[in-house]
C-alpha atoms as a PDB file:
ATOM      1  CA  MET A   1      16.251  -3.103   6.012  1.00  0.00           C
ATOM      2  CA  ILE A   2      13.258  -1.460   7.625  1.00  0.00           C
ATOM      3  CA  ASN A   3       9.833  -3.023   7.208  1.00  0.00           C
ATOM      4  CA  ILE A   4       7.857  -1.328   4.410  1.00  0.00           C
ATOM      5  CA  THR A   5       5.199  -4.008   3.961  1.00  0.00           C
ATOM      6  CA  HIS A   6       2.568  -1.684   5.477  1.00  0.00           C
ATOM      7  CA  LYS A   7       3.187   1.028   2.870  1.00  0.00           C
ATOM      8  CA  SER A   8       1.306   1.480  -0.392  1.00  0.00           C
ATOM      9  CA  PRO A   9       3.033   2.106  -3.746  1.00  0.00           C
ATOM     10  CA  THR A  10       2.950   5.725  -4.910  1.00  0.00           C
ATOM     11  CA  LEU A  11       4.778   7.745  -7.540  1.00  0.00           C
ATOM     12  CA  ARG A  12       8.213   8.672  -6.164  1.00  0.00           C
ATOM     13  CA  LYS A  13      10.681  11.099  -7.731  1.00  0.00           C
ATOM     14  CA  ALA A  14      14.117  12.331  -6.720  1.00  0.00           C
ATOM     15  CA  ILE A  15      16.716  14.649  -8.235  1.00  0.00           C
ATOM     16  CA  ALA A  16      20.334  14.593  -7.055  1.00  0.00           C
ATOM     17  CA  GLN A  17      23.424  16.505  -8.083  1.00  0.00           C
ATOM     18  CA  ALA A  18      27.187  16.121  -8.086  1.00  0.00           C
ATOM     19  CA  ILE A  19      29.660  18.763  -9.205  1.00  0.00           C
ATOM     20  CA  VAL A  20      32.920  17.880 -10.933  1.00  0.00           C
ATOM     21  CA  CYS A  21      35.438  20.702 -10.634  1.00  0.00           C
ATOM     22  CA  VAL A  22      38.448  20.903 -12.976  1.00  0.00           C
ATOM     23  CA  SER A  23      41.689  22.823 -12.527  1.00  0.00           C
ATOM     24  CA  LYS A  24      42.107  24.241 -16.023  1.00  0.00           C
ATOM     25  CA  PRO A  25      39.815  25.485 -18.800  1.00  0.00           C
ATOM     26  CA  GLU A  26      41.390  23.118 -21.310  1.00  0.00           C
ATOM     27  CA  THR A  27      39.737  20.187 -19.547  1.00  0.00           C
ATOM     28  CA  ILE A  28      36.277  21.606 -20.116  1.00  0.00           C
ATOM     29  CA  LEU A  29      37.140  22.291 -23.743  1.00  0.00           C
ATOM     30  CA  ALA A  30      38.301  18.686 -24.228  1.00  0.00           C
ATOM     31  CA  VAL A  31      35.023  17.413 -22.758  1.00  0.00           C
ATOM     32  CA  LYS A  32      32.955  19.646 -25.041  1.00  0.00           C
ATOM     33  CA  ASN A  33      34.996  18.753 -28.137  1.00  0.00           C
ATOM     34  CA  ARG A  34      35.029  15.037 -27.246  1.00  0.00           C
ATOM     35  CA  THR A  35      38.833  14.907 -27.508  1.00  0.00           C
ATOM     36  CA  VAL A  36      39.527  13.242 -24.136  1.00  0.00           C
ATOM     37  CA  PRO A  37      41.824  10.225 -24.823  1.00  0.00           C
ATOM     38  CA  LYS A  38      39.625   7.784 -22.901  1.00  0.00           C
ATOM     39  CA  GLY A  39      36.562   8.624 -24.986  1.00  0.00           C
ATOM     40  CA  ASP A  40      33.335  10.611 -24.853  1.00  0.00           C
ATOM     41  CA  VAL A  41      33.187  11.577 -21.174  1.00  0.00           C
ATOM     42  CA  LEU A  42      29.592  12.743 -21.080  1.00  0.00           C
ATOM     43  CA  GLU A  43      28.149   9.662 -22.792  1.00  0.00           C
ATOM     44  CA  MET A  44      30.331   7.190 -20.876  1.00  0.00           C
ATOM     45  CA  ALA A  45      29.455   8.815 -17.546  1.00  0.00           C
ATOM     46  CA  LYS A  46      25.761   8.851 -18.432  1.00  0.00           C
ATOM     47  CA  THR A  47      25.837   5.135 -19.195  1.00  0.00           C
ATOM     48  CA  ALA A  48      27.568   4.446 -15.882  1.00  0.00           C
ATOM     49  CA  GLY A  49      24.918   6.487 -14.073  1.00  0.00           C
ATOM     50  CA  LEU A  50      22.088   4.482 -15.629  1.00  0.00           C
ATOM     51  CA  PHE A  51      23.717   1.248 -14.461  1.00  0.00           C
ATOM     52  CA  ALA A  52      24.305   2.706 -10.996  1.00  0.00           C
ATOM     53  CA  ALA A  53      20.696   3.756 -10.466  1.00  0.00           C
ATOM     54  CA  LYS A  54      19.548   0.200 -11.130  1.00  0.00           C
ATOM     55  CA  ARG A  55      22.230  -1.398  -8.942  1.00  0.00           C
ATOM     56  CA  THR A  56      21.935   0.782  -5.843  1.00  0.00           C
ATOM     57  CA  ALA A  57      20.539  -1.997  -3.652  1.00  0.00           C
ATOM     58  CA  ASP A  58      23.623  -4.100  -4.491  1.00  0.00           C
ATOM     59  CA  MET A  59      25.935  -1.387  -3.156  1.00  0.00           C
ATOM     60  CA  ILE A  60      24.046   0.140  -0.217  1.00  0.00           C
ATOM     61  CA  PRO A  61      23.126  -2.595   2.308  1.00  0.00           C
ATOM     62  CA  ASP A  62      19.944  -1.053   3.741  1.00  0.00           C
ATOM     63  CA  CYS A  63      18.413  -0.028   0.397  1.00  0.00           C
ATOM     64  CA  HIS A  64      15.397  -1.989  -0.788  1.00  0.00           C
ATOM     65  CA  PRO A  65      15.547  -3.462  -4.297  1.00  0.00           C
ATOM     66  CA  LEU A  66      12.959  -1.576  -6.301  1.00  0.00           C
ATOM     67  CA  PRO A  67      11.877  -1.076  -9.913  1.00  0.00           C
ATOM     68  CA  ILE A  68      13.550   1.912 -11.543  1.00  0.00           C
ATOM     69  CA  GLU A  69      11.024   3.153 -14.097  1.00  0.00           C
ATOM     70  CA  PHE A  70      12.747   6.317 -15.315  1.00  0.00           C
ATOM     71  CA  THR A  71      16.264   7.745 -15.079  1.00  0.00           C
ATOM     72  CA  SER A  72      17.744  10.801 -16.732  1.00  0.00           C
ATOM     73  CA  VAL A  73      21.286  12.155 -16.556  1.00  0.00           C
ATOM     74  CA  SER A  74      21.880  15.741 -17.617  1.00  0.00           C
ATOM     75  CA  TYR A  75      24.751  18.217 -17.411  1.00  0.00           C
ATOM     76  CA  GLU A  76      25.259  21.918 -16.958  1.00  0.00           C
ATOM     77  CA  ILE A  77      28.772  22.801 -18.105  1.00  0.00           C
ATOM     78  CA  GLY A  78      30.412  25.884 -16.669  1.00  0.00           C
ATOM     79  CA  GLU A  79      33.839  27.441 -17.174  1.00  0.00           C
ATOM     80  CA  MET A  80      35.549  25.292 -14.535  1.00  0.00           C
ATOM     81  CA  GLU A  81      32.942  22.773 -13.450  1.00  0.00           C
ATOM     82  CA  ILE A  82      30.324  20.321 -14.666  1.00  0.00           C
ATOM     83  CA  GLN A  83      27.119  19.970 -12.697  1.00  0.00           C
ATOM     84  CA  VAL A  84      25.619  16.485 -12.916  1.00  0.00           C
ATOM     85  CA  LEU A  85      21.870  16.160 -12.408  1.00  0.00           C
ATOM     86  CA  VAL A  86      20.226  12.746 -12.060  1.00  0.00           C
ATOM     87  CA  GLU A  87      16.456  12.283 -11.870  1.00  0.00           C
ATOM     88  CA  VAL A  88      14.912   8.931 -10.929  1.00  0.00           C
ATOM     89  CA  HIS A  89      11.232   7.863 -10.852  1.00  0.00           C
ATOM     90  CA  THR A  90       9.464   4.777  -9.546  1.00  0.00           C
ATOM     91  CA  VAL A  91       6.040   3.663  -8.397  1.00  0.00           C
ATOM     92  CA  TYR A  92       6.858   1.864  -5.186  1.00  0.00           C
ATOM     93  CA  LYS A  93       6.563   1.840  -1.395  1.00  0.00           C
ATOM     94  CA  THR A  94       9.769   3.748  -0.693  1.00  0.00           C
ATOM     95  CA  GLY A  95      11.621   6.657  -2.247  1.00  0.00           C
ATOM     96  CA  VAL A  96      14.494   6.844  -4.715  1.00  0.00           C
ATOM     97  CA  GLU A  97      16.680   9.536  -3.099  1.00  0.00           C
ATOM     98  CA  VAL A  98      19.607   7.171  -2.534  1.00  0.00           C
ATOM     99  CA  GLU A  99      19.294   5.786  -6.060  1.00  0.00           C
ATOM    100  CA  ALA A 100      19.543   9.310  -7.481  1.00  0.00           C
ATOM    101  CA  MET A 101      22.517  10.237  -5.287  1.00  0.00           C
ATOM    102  CA  HIS A 102      24.265   6.934  -6.001  1.00  0.00           C
ATOM    103  CA  ALA A 103      23.852   7.464  -9.730  1.00  0.00           C
ATOM    104  CA  ALA A 104      25.103  11.067  -9.501  1.00  0.00           C
ATOM    105  CA  SER A 105      28.141   9.860  -7.539  1.00  0.00           C
ATOM    106  CA  VAL A 106      28.997   7.200 -10.111  1.00  0.00           C
ATOM    107  CA  VAL A 107      28.568   9.673 -12.976  1.00  0.00           C
ATOM    108  CA  ALA A 108      31.014  12.013 -11.241  1.00  0.00           C
ATOM    109  CA  LEU A 109      33.491   9.212 -10.458  1.00  0.00           C
ATOM    110  CA  THR A 110      33.396   8.045 -14.072  1.00  0.00           C
ATOM    111  CA  MET A 111      34.181  11.574 -15.218  1.00  0.00           C
ATOM    112  CA  TYR A 112      37.022  11.782 -12.685  1.00  0.00           C
ATOM    113  CA  ASP A 113      38.483   8.504 -13.936  1.00  0.00           C
ATOM    114  CA  MET A 114      38.333   9.571 -17.565  1.00  0.00           C
ATOM    115  CA  LEU A 115      39.707  13.079 -16.981  1.00  0.00           C
ATOM    116  CA  LYS A 116      42.521  12.394 -14.508  1.00  0.00           C
ATOM    117  CA  PRO A 117      45.112  11.637 -17.248  1.00  0.00           C
ATOM    118  CA  ILE A 118      44.759  15.207 -18.549  1.00  0.00           C
ATOM    119  CA  ASP A 119      43.957  17.043 -15.295  1.00  0.00           C
ATOM    120  CA  LYS A 120      45.451  16.115 -11.904  1.00  0.00           C
ATOM    121  CA  GLY A 121      43.446  18.748 -10.024  1.00  0.00           C
ATOM    122  CA  ILE A 122      39.934  17.382 -10.449  1.00  0.00           C
ATOM    123  CA  SER A 123      37.622  17.208  -7.432  1.00  0.00           C
ATOM    124  CA  ILE A 124      34.070  16.033  -6.797  1.00  0.00           C
ATOM    125  CA  GLU A 125      31.913  18.281  -4.655  1.00  0.00           C
ATOM    126  CA  HIS A 126      28.368  18.830  -3.391  1.00  0.00           C
ATOM    127  CA  ILE A 127      26.817  15.410  -3.892  1.00  0.00           C
ATOM    128  CA  LYS A 128      23.365  16.055  -2.491  1.00  0.00           C
ATOM    129  CA  LEU A 129      19.646  15.584  -2.886  1.00  0.00           C
ATOM    130  CA  MET A 130      18.042  18.507  -4.676  1.00  0.00           C
ATOM    131  CA  GLU A 131      14.397  17.462  -4.645  1.00  0.00           C
ATOM    132  CA  LYS A 132      12.169  14.555  -3.674  1.00  0.00           C
ATOM    133  CA  ARG A 133       8.480  13.972  -4.207  1.00  0.00           C
ATOM    134  CA  GLY A 134       6.012  11.266  -3.279  1.00  0.00           C
ATOM    135  CA  GLY A 135       5.129   9.397  -0.116  1.00  0.00           C
ATOM    136  CA  LYS A 136       4.254  10.972   3.212  1.00  0.00           C
ATOM    137  CA  SER A 137       6.565  13.925   2.654  1.00  0.00           C
ATOM    138  CA  ASP A 138       3.993  15.262   0.159  1.00  0.00           C
ATOM    139  CA  GLN A 139       1.149  14.882   2.636  1.00  0.00           C
ATOM    140  CA  LYS A 140       2.494  16.841   5.585  1.00  0.00           C
ATOM    141  CA  SER A 141      -0.304  18.823   7.157  1.00  0.00           C
ATOM    142  CA  ASP A 142      -1.398  19.880  10.608  1.00  0.00           C
ATOM    143  CA  PHE A 143      -4.209  17.547  11.686  1.00  0.00           C
ATOM    144  CA  SER A 144      -4.156  18.618  15.344  1.00  0.00           C
ATOM    145  CA  LYS A 145      -7.480  20.447  15.024  1.00  0.00           C
ATOM    146  CA  LEU A 146      -9.320  17.320  13.875  1.00  0.00           C
ATOM    147  CA  ARG A 147     -11.431  15.574  16.531  1.00  0.00           C
ATOM    148  CA  ALA A 148     -12.077  11.838  16.345  1.00  0.00           C
ATOM    149  CA  SER A 149     -14.246   9.282  18.114  1.00  0.00           C
ATOM    150  CA  VAL A 150     -13.688   5.518  18.112  1.00  0.00           C
ATOM    151  CA  VAL A 151     -16.541   3.068  18.670  1.00  0.00           C
ATOM    152  CA  VAL A 152     -15.912  -0.639  19.242  1.00  0.00           C
ATOM    153  CA  CYS A 153     -18.831  -2.844  18.192  1.00  0.00           C
ATOM    154  CA  SER A 154     -18.688  -6.196  19.966  1.00  0.00           C
ATOM    155  CA  ASP A 155     -21.173  -8.203  22.047  1.00  0.00           C
ATOM    156  CA  SER A 156     -18.431 -10.077  23.891  1.00  0.00           C
ATOM    157  CA  ILE A 157     -16.230  -7.070  24.684  1.00  0.00           C
ATOM    158  CA  SER A 158     -19.219  -5.007  25.806  1.00  0.00           C
ATOM    159  CA  LYS A 159     -20.017  -7.822  28.299  1.00  0.00           C
ATOM    160  CA  GLY A 160     -16.459  -7.830  29.609  1.00  0.00           C
ATOM    161  CA  GLU A 161     -15.703 -11.210  28.046  1.00  0.00           C
ATOM    162  CA  GLY A 162     -12.827  -9.981  25.940  1.00  0.00           C
ATOM    163  CA  GLU A 163     -10.288  -7.192  25.577  1.00  0.00           C
ATOM    164  CA  ASP A 164     -10.455  -4.548  22.890  1.00  0.00           C
ATOM    165  CA  LYS A 165      -7.364  -4.385  20.711  1.00  0.00           C
ATOM    166  CA  SER A 166      -8.665  -2.996  17.423  1.00  0.00           C
ATOM    167  CA  GLY A 167     -10.028   0.227  18.911  1.00  0.00           C
ATOM    168  CA  LYS A 168      -6.771   0.879  20.718  1.00  0.00           C
ATOM    169  CA  ALA A 169      -4.833   0.214  17.498  1.00  0.00           C
ATOM    170  CA  ILE A 170      -6.986   2.791  15.686  1.00  0.00           C
ATOM    171  CA  ILE A 171      -6.452   5.335  18.454  1.00  0.00           C
ATOM    172  CA  ALA A 172      -2.685   4.843  18.246  1.00  0.00           C
ATOM    173  CA  LYS A 173      -2.764   5.420  14.490  1.00  0.00           C
ATOM    174  CA  LEU A 174      -4.887   8.571  14.833  1.00  0.00           C
ATOM    175  CA  GLU A 175      -2.624   9.992  17.514  1.00  0.00           C
ATOM    176  CA  SER A 176       0.437   9.303  15.356  1.00  0.00           C
ATOM    177  CA  TYR A 177      -1.023  11.792  12.851  1.00  0.00           C
ATOM    178  CA  GLY A 178      -1.763  14.338  15.569  1.00  0.00           C
ATOM    179  CA  VAL A 179      -5.544  13.819  15.521  1.00  0.00           C
ATOM    180  CA  GLN A 180      -7.320  14.411  18.847  1.00  0.00           C
ATOM    181  CA  VAL A 181      -9.272  11.377  20.086  1.00  0.00           C
ATOM    182  CA  ILE A 182     -12.120  12.846  22.154  1.00  0.00           C
ATOM    183  CA  ASP A 183     -14.233   9.741  22.715  1.00  0.00           C
ATOM    184  CA  TYR A 184     -13.766   5.978  22.923  1.00  0.00           C
ATOM    185  CA  VAL A 185     -16.680   3.654  23.691  1.00  0.00           C
ATOM    186  CA  VAL A 186     -17.544  -0.036  23.481  1.00  0.00           C
ATOM    187  CA  ILE A 187     -21.088  -1.004  22.485  1.00  0.00           C
ATOM    188  CA  PRO A 188     -22.810  -4.282  21.578  1.00  0.00           C
ATOM    189  CA  ASP A 189     -23.672  -5.266  18.013  1.00  0.00           C
ATOM    190  CA  ASP A 190     -26.985  -3.441  18.039  1.00  0.00           C
ATOM    191  CA  SER A 191     -28.289  -1.336  15.170  1.00  0.00           C
ATOM    192  CA  ASP A 192     -29.907   1.315  17.368  1.00  0.00           C
ATOM    193  CA  ARG A 193     -26.793   1.687  19.522  1.00  0.00           C
ATOM    194  CA  ILE A 194     -24.613   2.051  16.420  1.00  0.00           C
ATOM    195  CA  GLN A 195     -26.857   4.718  14.914  1.00  0.00           C
ATOM    196  CA  ASN A 196     -27.124   6.544  18.246  1.00  0.00           C
ATOM    197  CA  ALA A 197     -23.326   6.586  18.501  1.00  0.00           C
ATOM    198  CA  ALA A 198     -23.200   8.260  15.096  1.00  0.00           C
ATOM    199  CA  HIS A 199     -25.831  10.846  16.091  1.00  0.00           C
ATOM    200  CA  ASP A 200     -23.946  11.554  19.334  1.00  0.00           C
ATOM    201  CA  ALA A 201     -20.739  12.125  17.371  1.00  0.00           C
ATOM    202  CA  VAL A 202     -22.517  14.630  15.124  1.00  0.00           C
ATOM    203  CA  ALA A 203     -23.824  16.454  18.186  1.00  0.00           C
ATOM    204  CA  GLN A 204     -20.277  16.618  19.591  1.00  0.00           C
ATOM    205  CA  GLU A 205     -19.046  18.125  16.288  1.00  0.00           C
ATOM    206  CA  THR A 206     -16.740  15.188  15.724  1.00  0.00           C
ATOM    207  CA  ASP A 207     -14.716  15.286  12.507  1.00  0.00           C
ATOM    208  CA  ILE A 208     -13.857  11.576  12.240  1.00  0.00           C
ATOM    209  CA  LEU A 209     -15.977   8.706  13.527  1.00  0.00           C
ATOM    210  CA  ILE A 210     -14.452   5.249  13.241  1.00  0.00           C
ATOM    211  CA  PHE A 211     -16.322   2.059  14.088  1.00  0.00           C
ATOM    212  CA  THR A 212     -14.422  -1.189  14.453  1.00  0.00           C
ATOM    213  CA  GLY A 213     -16.105  -4.577  14.407  1.00  0.00           C
ATOM    214  CA  GLY A 214     -19.243  -5.999  12.889  1.00  0.00           C
ATOM    215  CA  THR A 215     -18.090  -5.750   9.270  1.00  0.00           C
ATOM    216  CA  GLY A 216     -17.842  -9.473   8.585  1.00  0.00           C
ATOM    217  CA  LEU A 217     -20.493 -11.991   7.550  1.00  0.00           C
ATOM    218  CA  SER A 218     -21.500 -13.599  10.835  1.00  0.00           C
ATOM    219  CA  PRO A 219     -25.166 -13.246  11.907  1.00  0.00           C
ATOM    220  CA  THR A 220     -24.269 -10.538  14.449  1.00  0.00           C
ATOM    221  CA  ASP A 221     -22.184  -8.447  12.021  1.00  0.00           C
ATOM    222  CA  ILE A 222     -24.570  -5.580  11.318  1.00  0.00           C
ATOM    223  CA  THR A 223     -22.417  -2.456  11.373  1.00  0.00           C
ATOM    224  CA  PRO A 224     -22.705  -1.766   7.598  1.00  0.00           C
ATOM    225  CA  GLU A 225     -26.486  -2.293   7.646  1.00  0.00           C
ATOM    226  CA  ALA A 226     -26.814   0.096  10.605  1.00  0.00           C
ATOM    227  CA  LEU A 227     -24.625   2.836   9.138  1.00  0.00           C
ATOM    228  CA  GLU A 228     -25.462   2.929   5.452  1.00  0.00           C
ATOM    229  CA  PRO A 229     -29.038   4.296   5.862  1.00  0.00           C
ATOM    230  CA  ILE A 230     -27.794   7.321   7.830  1.00  0.00           C
ATOM    231  CA  LEU A 231     -24.870   8.220   5.587  1.00  0.00           C
ATOM    232  CA  ASN A 232     -25.409  11.253   3.368  1.00  0.00           C
ATOM    233  CA  ARG A 233     -22.837  10.029   0.868  1.00  0.00           C
ATOM    234  CA  LYS A 234     -20.720   6.926   0.523  1.00  0.00           C
ATOM    235  CA  ILE A 235     -17.078   7.014  -0.574  1.00  0.00           C
ATOM    236  CA  PRO A 236     -16.639   3.762  -2.554  1.00  0.00           C
ATOM    237  CA  GLY A 237     -13.023   4.496  -3.430  1.00  0.00           C
ATOM    238  CA  VAL A 238     -12.004   4.355   0.224  1.00  0.00           C
ATOM    239  CA  GLU A 239     -13.770   1.021   0.697  1.00  0.00           C
ATOM    240  CA  GLU A 240     -12.076  -0.338  -2.429  1.00  0.00           C
ATOM    241  CA  ALA A 241      -8.654   0.874  -1.304  1.00  0.00           C
ATOM    242  CA  ILE A 242      -9.052  -0.794   2.101  1.00  0.00           C
ATOM    243  CA  ARG A 243     -10.075  -4.125   0.608  1.00  0.00           C
ATOM    244  CA  ALA A 244      -7.408  -4.056  -2.110  1.00  0.00           C
ATOM    245  CA  TYR A 245      -4.713  -3.298   0.469  1.00  0.00           C
ATOM    246  CA  GLY A 246      -5.941  -6.083   2.744  1.00  0.00           C
ATOM    247  CA  GLN A 247      -6.246  -8.606  -0.088  1.00  0.00           C
ATOM    248  CA  GLN A 248      -2.544  -8.204  -0.861  1.00  0.00           C
ATOM    249  CA  ARG A 249      -1.798  -9.328   2.688  1.00  0.00           C
ATOM    250  CA  VAL A 250      -4.610 -11.713   3.704  1.00  0.00           C
ATOM    251  CA  PRO A 251      -6.569 -13.734   1.116  1.00  0.00           C
ATOM    252  CA  THR A 252      -9.800 -13.517   3.167  1.00  0.00           C
ATOM    253  CA  ALA A 253      -9.837  -9.693   3.215  1.00  0.00           C
ATOM    254  CA  MET A 254     -12.307  -9.755   0.326  1.00  0.00           C
ATOM    255  CA  LEU A 255     -14.959 -10.921   2.797  1.00  0.00           C
ATOM    256  CA  SER A 256     -14.723  -7.742   4.833  1.00  0.00           C
ATOM    257  CA  ARG A 257     -17.498  -5.182   4.386  1.00  0.00           C
ATOM    258  CA  SER A 258     -15.751  -1.981   5.404  1.00  0.00           C
ATOM    259  CA  VAL A 259     -17.783   1.199   4.992  1.00  0.00           C
ATOM    260  CA  ALA A 260     -16.750   4.779   4.239  1.00  0.00           C
ATOM    261  CA  GLY A 261     -18.952   7.817   3.906  1.00  0.00           C
ATOM    262  CA  THR A 262     -20.000  11.140   5.363  1.00  0.00           C
ATOM    263  CA  ILE A 263     -22.703  12.465   7.614  1.00  0.00           C
ATOM    264  CA  GLY A 264     -22.691  16.176   6.965  1.00  0.00           C
ATOM    265  CA  LYS A 265     -19.021  17.118   7.214  1.00  0.00           C
ATOM    266  CA  MET A 266     -18.133  14.176   9.460  1.00  0.00           C
ATOM    267  CA  LEU A 267     -16.093  11.335   7.963  1.00  0.00           C
ATOM    268  CA  VAL A 268     -17.434   7.919   8.981  1.00  0.00           C
ATOM    269  CA  LEU A 269     -15.482   4.677   8.647  1.00  0.00           C
ATOM    270  CA  ALA A 270     -16.387   1.132   9.641  1.00  0.00           C
ATOM    271  CA  LEU A 271     -13.332  -1.094   9.845  1.00  0.00           C
ATOM    272  CA  PRO A 272     -12.715  -4.764  10.722  1.00  0.00           C
ATOM    273  CA  GLY A 273     -12.776  -5.845  14.338  1.00  0.00           C
ATOM    274  CA  SER A 274      -9.427  -7.629  14.397  1.00  0.00           C
ATOM    275  CA  ALA A 275      -6.425  -5.601  15.530  1.00  0.00           C
ATOM    276  CA  ALA A 276      -4.481  -6.498  12.391  1.00  0.00           C
ATOM    277  CA  GLY A 277      -7.415  -5.752  10.097  1.00  0.00           C
ATOM    278  CA  ALA A 278      -8.117  -2.402  11.727  1.00  0.00           C
ATOM    279  CA  SER A 279      -4.452  -1.383  11.724  1.00  0.00           C
ATOM    280  CA  GLU A 280      -3.950  -2.392   8.098  1.00  0.00           C
ATOM    281  CA  SER A 281      -7.118  -0.558   7.071  1.00  0.00           C
ATOM    282  CA  MET A 282      -5.767   2.600   8.676  1.00  0.00           C
ATOM    283  CA  ASP A 283      -2.444   2.147   6.878  1.00  0.00           C
ATOM    284  CA  ALA A 284      -4.317   1.702   3.593  1.00  0.00           C
ATOM    285  CA  VAL A 285      -5.983   5.123   3.579  1.00  0.00           C
ATOM    286  CA  PHE A 286      -4.259   7.376   6.113  1.00  0.00           C
ATOM    287  CA  PRO A 287      -3.113  10.129   5.914  1.00  0.00           C
ATOM    288  CA  ALA A 288      -4.368  10.626   2.336  1.00  0.00           C
ATOM    289  CA  ILE A 289      -8.000  10.239   3.402  1.00  0.00           C
ATOM    290  CA  LEU A 290      -7.705  13.358   5.580  1.00  0.00           C
ATOM    291  CA  HIS A 291      -7.683  15.396   2.375  1.00  0.00           C
ATOM    292  CA  VAL A 292     -11.456  14.910   2.523  1.00  0.00           C
ATOM    293  CA  PHE A 293     -11.722  17.772   5.000  1.00  0.00           C
ATOM    294  CA  HIS A 294     -10.154  20.182   2.514  1.00  0.00           C
ATOM    295  CA  ILE A 295     -12.751  19.095  -0.044  1.00  0.00           C
ATOM    296  CA  LEU A 296     -15.673  19.154   2.393  1.00  0.00           C
ATOM    297  CA  GLY A 297     -14.630  22.688   3.304  1.00  0.00           C
ATOM    298  CA  GLY A 298     -15.007  23.785  -0.312  1.00  0.00           C
ATOM    299  CA  GLY A 299     -11.398  23.406  -1.403  1.00  0.00           C
ATOM    300  CA  ARG A 300     -10.235  22.232  -4.810  1.00  0.00           C
ATOM    301  CA  HIS A 301      -9.119  18.697  -5.546  1.00  0.00           C
END
């Protein structure tokens, strides 16, 4: 199974279909009148589909076990076919497309098994995903016009006594979303230098300014104190999301003092100085945080 530990739970929905085709109208009539010898086809198949949705991970090796929080099975009965529609919901890190298709398949197979004594010409067709919602597929946008700068705050790295890893991790994340990285600098833990870096970014019409380092509690960690006075507005929800995400992975994440806010229409973030902390902080809020530019531009929530 692929690693999904970096993902955050979101509402996921999927709708799948399967079509059961019969070879004579009498079969459809028997289903409607509930006169099939093996029993009530629609109710039996529905029950099988509910079981199937919850047992998908037991059948499909690469599927993650996940909580199924809603499942519905519905039918559209035609003259010579029955369309099965299965809808599945969850709040989790990965989608439920396979769960919906697995359930639709089992519903159709149950109908086949129950109807074959009275109709030898039954077939199952068009098992497919009809709709999916949630996750990154709902957040697809073109971010290629956004310009970002990354500033590493570290006394030791600025003196050449260490190698930057957190800044490079942030750059890799930004580039994975198509954001242009126009500047990358390393500066010491100095309040004036931090504020000057922010002013320079404004002058360059930067859209996203990300600082990494100086957000802890050591005597030299002053990035939040340097940035907060020059922010026009803070975004507490982003800070909370970063810390909550980190706390689920590292028990000391609560000691981080990440900052999020705006200077004019520029988004400013201050993230931890460790490579893992910076990378996880990016995973916590990207790409959803980029919706801020729609709002700053006057768009609706």
